[in-house]
Amino acid sequence: MWLARSRPIRLLLLACFLAYAGDLAAFTAASVYVYYAGGAAYVGLLGLLKALPGALLVPLVASWADRTITRRSPASGWLARTGCAHLASLPHLGFPAPSGAL
């Protein structure tokens, strides 16, 4: 297991694990909140809203990534995901929602 001896690989795996755990925790918290606010149908709608962008965009992004693989591709995806998470948290911190938001 030469990969296990590599510190950068271990840190990358730890970061991926923590990001995935945080994503699951946030979705679980949102599901509980939505269930108490509107019931099981809204939880199903939340799941659909979470899965639909990925289902629609994966074929397009995958074909684009096959043609233009660079080192910046993963970083730009993580940056976009972080930006979306920050925008989604603004109303909970007392800031007004971005214009055009639901």
N, C-alpha and C. Protein backbone atom coordinates (compact mmCIF):
# COMPACT_ATOMS: atom_id res chain seq x y z
N MET A 1 0.83 -1.19 0.00
CA MET A 1 0.00 0.00 0.00
C MET A 1 0.87 1.25 0.00
N TRP A 2 1.52 1.50 -1.11
CA TRP A 2 2.39 2.67 -1.16
C TRP A 2 1.58 3.96 -1.13
N LEU A 3 0.31 3.93 -1.53
CA LEU A 3 -0.51 5.14 -1.46
C LEU A 3 -0.78 5.55 -0.02
N ALA A 4 -0.90 4.57 0.86
CA ALA A 4 -1.18 4.88 2.26
C ALA A 4 0.00 5.57 2.93
N ARG A 5 1.18 5.42 2.38
CA ARG A 5 2.36 6.07 2.96
C ARG A 5 2.54 7.50 2.46
N SER A 6 1.81 7.88 1.45
CA SER A 6 1.93 9.22 0.88
C SER A 6 1.05 10.20 1.66
N ARG A 7 1.68 11.17 2.31
CA ARG A 7 0.92 12.14 3.11
C ARG A 7 -0.07 12.95 2.27
N PRO A 8 0.31 13.46 1.09
CA PRO A 8 -0.68 14.21 0.30
C PRO A 8 -1.90 13.36 -0.09
N ILE A 9 -1.69 12.09 -0.38
CA ILE A 9 -2.81 11.23 -0.73
C ILE A 9 -3.71 11.01 0.49
N ARG A 10 -3.10 10.80 1.65
CA ARG A 10 -3.90 10.63 2.86
C ARG A 10 -4.71 11.89 3.17
N LEU A 11 -4.10 13.06 2.99
CA LEU A 11 -4.82 14.31 3.23
C LEU A 11 -5.95 14.50 2.22
N LEU A 12 -5.71 14.13 0.98
CA LEU A 12 -6.75 14.24 -0.04
C LEU A 12 -7.92 13.31 0.28
N LEU A 13 -7.62 12.08 0.67
CA LEU A 13 -8.68 11.15 1.04
C LEU A 13 -9.45 11.63 2.26
N LEU A 14 -8.75 12.19 3.23
CA LEU A 14 -9.42 12.72 4.41
C LEU A 14 -10.32 13.90 4.03
N ALA A 15 -9.84 14.77 3.15
CA ALA A 15 -10.65 15.91 2.71
C ALA A 15 -11.89 15.44 1.96
N CYS A 16 -11.74 14.45 1.11
CA CYS A 16 -12.89 13.92 0.37
C CYS A 16 -13.89 13.28 1.33
N PHE A 17 -13.39 12.54 2.31
CA PHE A 17 -14.27 11.91 3.29
C PHE A 17 -15.04 12.98 4.08
N LEU A 18 -14.35 14.02 4.54
CA LEU A 18 -15.01 15.06 5.32
C LEU A 18 -16.01 15.85 4.48
N ALA A 19 -15.68 16.10 3.21
CA ALA A 19 -16.61 16.81 2.33
C ALA A 19 -17.87 15.99 2.11
N TYR A 20 -17.71 14.68 1.90
CA TYR A 20 -18.86 13.82 1.68
C TYR A 20 -19.70 13.70 2.95
N ALA A 21 -19.04 13.58 4.10
CA ALA A 21 -19.76 13.50 5.37
C ALA A 21 -20.53 14.80 5.63
N GLY A 22 -19.92 15.93 5.31
CA GLY A 22 -20.60 17.21 5.48
C GLY A 22 -21.79 17.34 4.55
N ASP A 23 -21.65 16.86 3.33
CA ASP A 23 -22.75 16.89 2.37
C ASP A 23 -23.92 16.05 2.88
N LEU A 24 -23.62 14.86 3.38
CA LEU A 24 -24.68 14.00 3.91
C LEU A 24 -25.33 14.60 5.15
N ALA A 25 -24.52 15.22 6.01
CA ALA A 25 -25.07 15.84 7.21
C ALA A 25 -25.98 17.01 6.86
N ALA A 26 -25.56 17.81 5.89
CA ALA A 26 -26.38 18.96 5.47
C ALA A 26 -27.68 18.49 4.83
N PHE A 27 -27.61 17.45 4.02
CA PHE A 27 -28.83 16.94 3.39
C PHE A 27 -29.77 16.33 4.42
N THR A 28 -29.22 15.64 5.41
CA THR A 28 -30.04 15.06 6.47
C THR A 28 -30.73 16.17 7.27
N ALA A 29 -29.98 17.20 7.62
CA ALA A 29 -30.57 18.32 8.37
C ALA A 29 -31.64 19.02 7.55
N ALA A 30 -31.38 19.21 6.26
CA ALA A 30 -32.37 19.86 5.40
C ALA A 30 -33.61 18.98 5.26
N SER A 31 -33.42 17.67 5.18
CA SER A 31 -34.56 16.76 5.07
C SER A 31 -35.44 16.81 6.31
N VAL A 32 -34.82 16.84 7.48
CA VAL A 32 -35.58 16.91 8.72
C VAL A 32 -36.35 18.22 8.79
N TYR A 33 -35.68 19.32 8.44
CA TYR A 33 -36.34 20.63 8.46
C TYR A 33 -37.52 20.67 7.49
N VAL A 34 -37.30 20.16 6.27
CA VAL A 34 -38.36 20.18 5.26
C VAL A 34 -39.50 19.27 5.67
N TYR A 35 -39.19 18.15 6.31
CA TYR A 35 -40.25 17.24 6.76
C TYR A 35 -41.15 17.93 7.77
N TYR A 36 -40.56 18.63 8.73
CA TYR A 36 -41.38 19.32 9.72
C TYR A 36 -42.10 20.53 9.13
N ALA A 37 -41.54 21.11 8.10
CA ALA A 37 -42.18 22.28 7.49
C ALA A 37 -43.29 21.90 6.52
N GLY A 38 -43.15 20.75 5.82
CA GLY A 38 -44.16 20.47 4.80
C GLY A 38 -44.51 19.01 4.60
N GLY A 39 -43.85 18.09 5.26
CA GLY A 39 -44.23 16.70 5.14
C GLY A 39 -43.33 15.90 4.21
N ALA A 40 -43.72 14.65 4.02
CA ALA A 40 -42.90 13.70 3.26
C ALA A 40 -42.81 14.08 1.78
N ALA A 41 -43.85 14.68 1.24
CA ALA A 41 -43.81 15.05 -0.18
C ALA A 41 -42.72 16.08 -0.44
N TYR A 42 -42.53 16.99 0.49
CA TYR A 42 -41.48 17.99 0.32
C TYR A 42 -40.09 17.39 0.45
N VAL A 43 -39.96 16.36 1.27
CA VAL A 43 -38.67 15.68 1.37
C VAL A 43 -38.35 14.99 0.04
N GLY A 44 -39.36 14.38 -0.57
CA GLY A 44 -39.17 13.79 -1.89
C GLY A 44 -38.79 14.83 -2.92
N LEU A 45 -39.43 15.99 -2.87
CA LEU A 45 -39.09 17.08 -3.79
C LEU A 45 -37.66 17.57 -3.55
N LEU A 46 -37.25 17.63 -2.30
CA LEU A 46 -35.87 18.02 -1.98
C LEU A 46 -34.87 17.03 -2.58
N GLY A 47 -35.16 15.74 -2.44
CA GLY A 47 -34.30 14.72 -3.04
C GLY A 47 -34.24 14.85 -4.55
N LEU A 48 -35.38 15.12 -5.17
CA LEU A 48 -35.41 15.31 -6.62
C LEU A 48 -34.60 16.54 -7.03
N LEU A 49 -34.74 17.61 -6.29
CA LEU A 49 -33.98 18.83 -6.60
C LEU A 49 -32.49 18.64 -6.41
N LYS A 50 -32.12 17.75 -5.48
CA LYS A 50 -30.70 17.48 -5.26
C LYS A 50 -30.13 16.62 -6.39
N ALA A 51 -30.91 15.66 -6.87
CA ALA A 51 -30.41 14.70 -7.86
C ALA A 51 -30.55 15.19 -9.30
N LEU A 52 -31.54 16.01 -9.58
CA LEU A 52 -31.84 16.40 -10.96
C LEU A 52 -30.71 17.16 -11.66
N PRO A 53 -30.07 18.15 -11.04
CA PRO A 53 -28.98 18.84 -11.75
C PRO A 53 -27.84 17.89 -12.12
N GLY A 54 -27.50 16.99 -11.22
CA GLY A 54 -26.45 16.03 -11.53
C GLY A 54 -26.83 15.11 -12.66
N ALA A 55 -28.07 14.64 -12.65
CA ALA A 55 -28.52 13.73 -13.70
C ALA A 55 -28.54 14.41 -15.06
N LEU A 56 -28.84 15.69 -15.08
CA LEU A 56 -28.89 16.40 -16.36
C LEU A 56 -27.51 16.87 -16.83
N LEU A 57 -26.65 17.24 -15.89
CA LEU A 57 -25.37 17.84 -16.26
C LEU A 57 -24.23 16.84 -16.41
N VAL A 58 -24.32 15.68 -15.78
CA VAL A 58 -23.20 14.73 -15.83
C VAL A 58 -22.83 14.34 -17.25
N PRO A 59 -23.77 14.00 -18.14
CA PRO A 59 -23.35 13.65 -19.51
C PRO A 59 -22.64 14.81 -20.23
N LEU A 60 -23.13 16.02 -20.02
CA LEU A 60 -22.52 17.17 -20.70
C LEU A 60 -21.14 17.48 -20.14
N VAL A 61 -21.02 17.50 -18.83
CA VAL A 61 -19.74 17.82 -18.21
C VAL A 61 -18.72 16.72 -18.47
N ALA A 62 -19.17 15.47 -18.47
CA ALA A 62 -18.24 14.36 -18.72
C ALA A 62 -17.68 14.42 -20.13
N SER A 63 -18.52 14.72 -21.11
CA SER A 63 -18.01 14.81 -22.48
C SER A 63 -17.07 16.01 -22.63
N TRP A 64 -17.37 17.11 -21.94
CA TRP A 64 -16.48 18.26 -21.98
C TRP A 64 -15.15 17.94 -21.30
N ALA A 65 -15.21 17.24 -20.15
CA ALA A 65 -13.99 16.92 -19.41
C ALA A 65 -13.11 15.96 -20.18
N ASP A 66 -13.70 15.08 -20.98
CA ASP A 66 -12.89 14.16 -21.79
C ASP A 66 -12.04 14.92 -22.80
N ARG A 67 -12.54 16.04 -23.25
CA ARG A 67 -11.80 16.82 -24.24
C ARG A 67 -10.81 17.80 -23.61
N THR A 68 -11.11 18.29 -22.43
CA THR A 68 -10.28 19.33 -21.83
C THR A 68 -9.89 18.99 -20.40
N ILE A 69 -9.10 17.97 -20.24
CA ILE A 69 -8.63 17.59 -18.91
C ILE A 69 -7.46 18.50 -18.52
N THR A 70 -7.62 19.21 -17.42
CA THR A 70 -6.54 20.04 -16.89
C THR A 70 -6.51 19.87 -15.38
N ARG A 71 -5.50 20.41 -14.76
CA ARG A 71 -5.43 20.34 -13.30
C ARG A 71 -6.42 21.28 -12.65
N ARG A 72 -6.89 22.26 -13.39
CA ARG A 72 -7.81 23.23 -12.81
C ARG A 72 -9.25 22.74 -12.79
N SER A 73 -9.58 21.70 -13.52
CA SER A 73 -10.97 21.23 -13.59
C SER A 73 -11.53 20.84 -12.22
N PRO A 74 -10.86 19.99 -11.43
CA PRO A 74 -11.42 19.66 -10.12
C PRO A 74 -11.51 20.88 -9.20
N ALA A 75 -10.50 21.71 -9.23
CA ALA A 75 -10.51 22.89 -8.36
C ALA A 75 -11.65 23.83 -8.72
N SER A 76 -11.93 24.01 -10.00
CA SER A 76 -13.02 24.90 -10.39
C SER A 76 -14.36 24.32 -9.97
N GLY A 77 -14.51 23.00 -10.00
CA GLY A 77 -15.75 22.38 -9.55
C GLY A 77 -15.95 22.55 -8.06
N TRP A 78 -14.87 22.37 -7.30
CA TRP A 78 -14.97 22.54 -5.85
C TRP A 78 -15.25 24.00 -5.51
N LEU A 79 -14.66 24.91 -6.26
CA LEU A 79 -14.89 26.33 -6.01
C LEU A 79 -16.35 26.69 -6.30
N ALA A 80 -16.90 26.18 -7.39
CA ALA A 80 -18.30 26.46 -7.72
C ALA A 80 -19.23 25.87 -6.66
N ARG A 81 -18.94 24.67 -6.19
CA ARG A 81 -19.76 24.03 -5.17
C ARG A 81 -19.71 24.82 -3.86
N THR A 82 -18.53 25.31 -3.50
CA THR A 82 -18.39 26.10 -2.28
C THR A 82 -19.16 27.41 -2.41
N GLY A 83 -19.09 28.04 -3.57
CA GLY A 83 -19.83 29.28 -3.79
C GLY A 83 -21.33 29.08 -3.67
N CYS A 84 -21.82 27.98 -4.22
CA CYS A 84 -23.26 27.69 -4.13
C CYS A 84 -23.67 27.43 -2.68
N ALA A 85 -22.82 26.74 -1.94
CA ALA A 85 -23.14 26.48 -0.53
C ALA A 85 -23.17 27.78 0.27
N HIS A 86 -22.26 28.69 -0.02
CA HIS A 86 -22.25 29.97 0.68
C HIS A 86 -23.48 30.80 0.32
N LEU A 87 -23.87 30.79 -0.94
CA LEU A 87 -25.08 31.53 -1.34
C LEU A 87 -26.31 30.94 -0.67
N ALA A 88 -26.36 29.62 -0.55
CA ALA A 88 -27.52 28.99 0.08
C ALA A 88 -27.59 29.29 1.57
N SER A 89 -26.46 29.57 2.20
CA SER A 89 -26.46 29.83 3.64
C SER A 89 -26.75 31.28 3.99
N LEU A 90 -26.73 32.18 3.03
CA LEU A 90 -26.93 33.60 3.33
C LEU A 90 -28.25 33.91 4.02
N PRO A 91 -29.39 33.37 3.55
CA PRO A 91 -30.64 33.70 4.25
C PRO A 91 -30.66 33.22 5.70
N HIS A 92 -29.97 32.13 6.01
CA HIS A 92 -29.95 31.61 7.37
C HIS A 92 -29.09 32.47 8.29
N LEU A 93 -28.21 33.28 7.72
CA LEU A 93 -27.35 34.15 8.51
C LEU A 93 -27.93 35.55 8.67
N GLY A 94 -29.14 35.75 8.12
CA GLY A 94 -29.79 37.05 8.25
C GLY A 94 -29.62 37.96 7.06
N PHE A 95 -28.89 37.51 6.03
CA PHE A 95 -28.74 38.31 4.83
C PHE A 95 -29.91 38.02 3.89
N PRO A 96 -30.28 38.97 3.04
CA PRO A 96 -31.36 38.68 2.08
C PRO A 96 -30.89 37.66 1.05
N ALA A 97 -31.85 36.90 0.54
CA ALA A 97 -31.55 35.90 -0.47
C ALA A 97 -31.08 36.59 -1.75
N PRO A 98 -30.18 35.97 -2.52
CA PRO A 98 -29.76 36.56 -3.79
C PRO A 98 -30.95 36.74 -4.72
N SER A 99 -30.93 37.77 -5.54
CA SER A 99 -32.05 38.00 -6.45
C SER A 99 -32.16 36.84 -7.43
N GLY A 100 -33.38 36.47 -7.73
CA GLY A 100 -33.61 35.35 -8.62
C GLY A 100 -33.69 34.02 -7.90
N ALA A 101 -33.47 34.01 -6.60
CA ALA A 101 -33.55 32.76 -5.82
C ALA A 101 -35.00 32.45 -5.54
N LEU A 102 -35.26 31.18 -5.32
CA LEU A 102 -36.64 30.75 -5.04
C LEU A 102 -37.10 31.22 -3.70
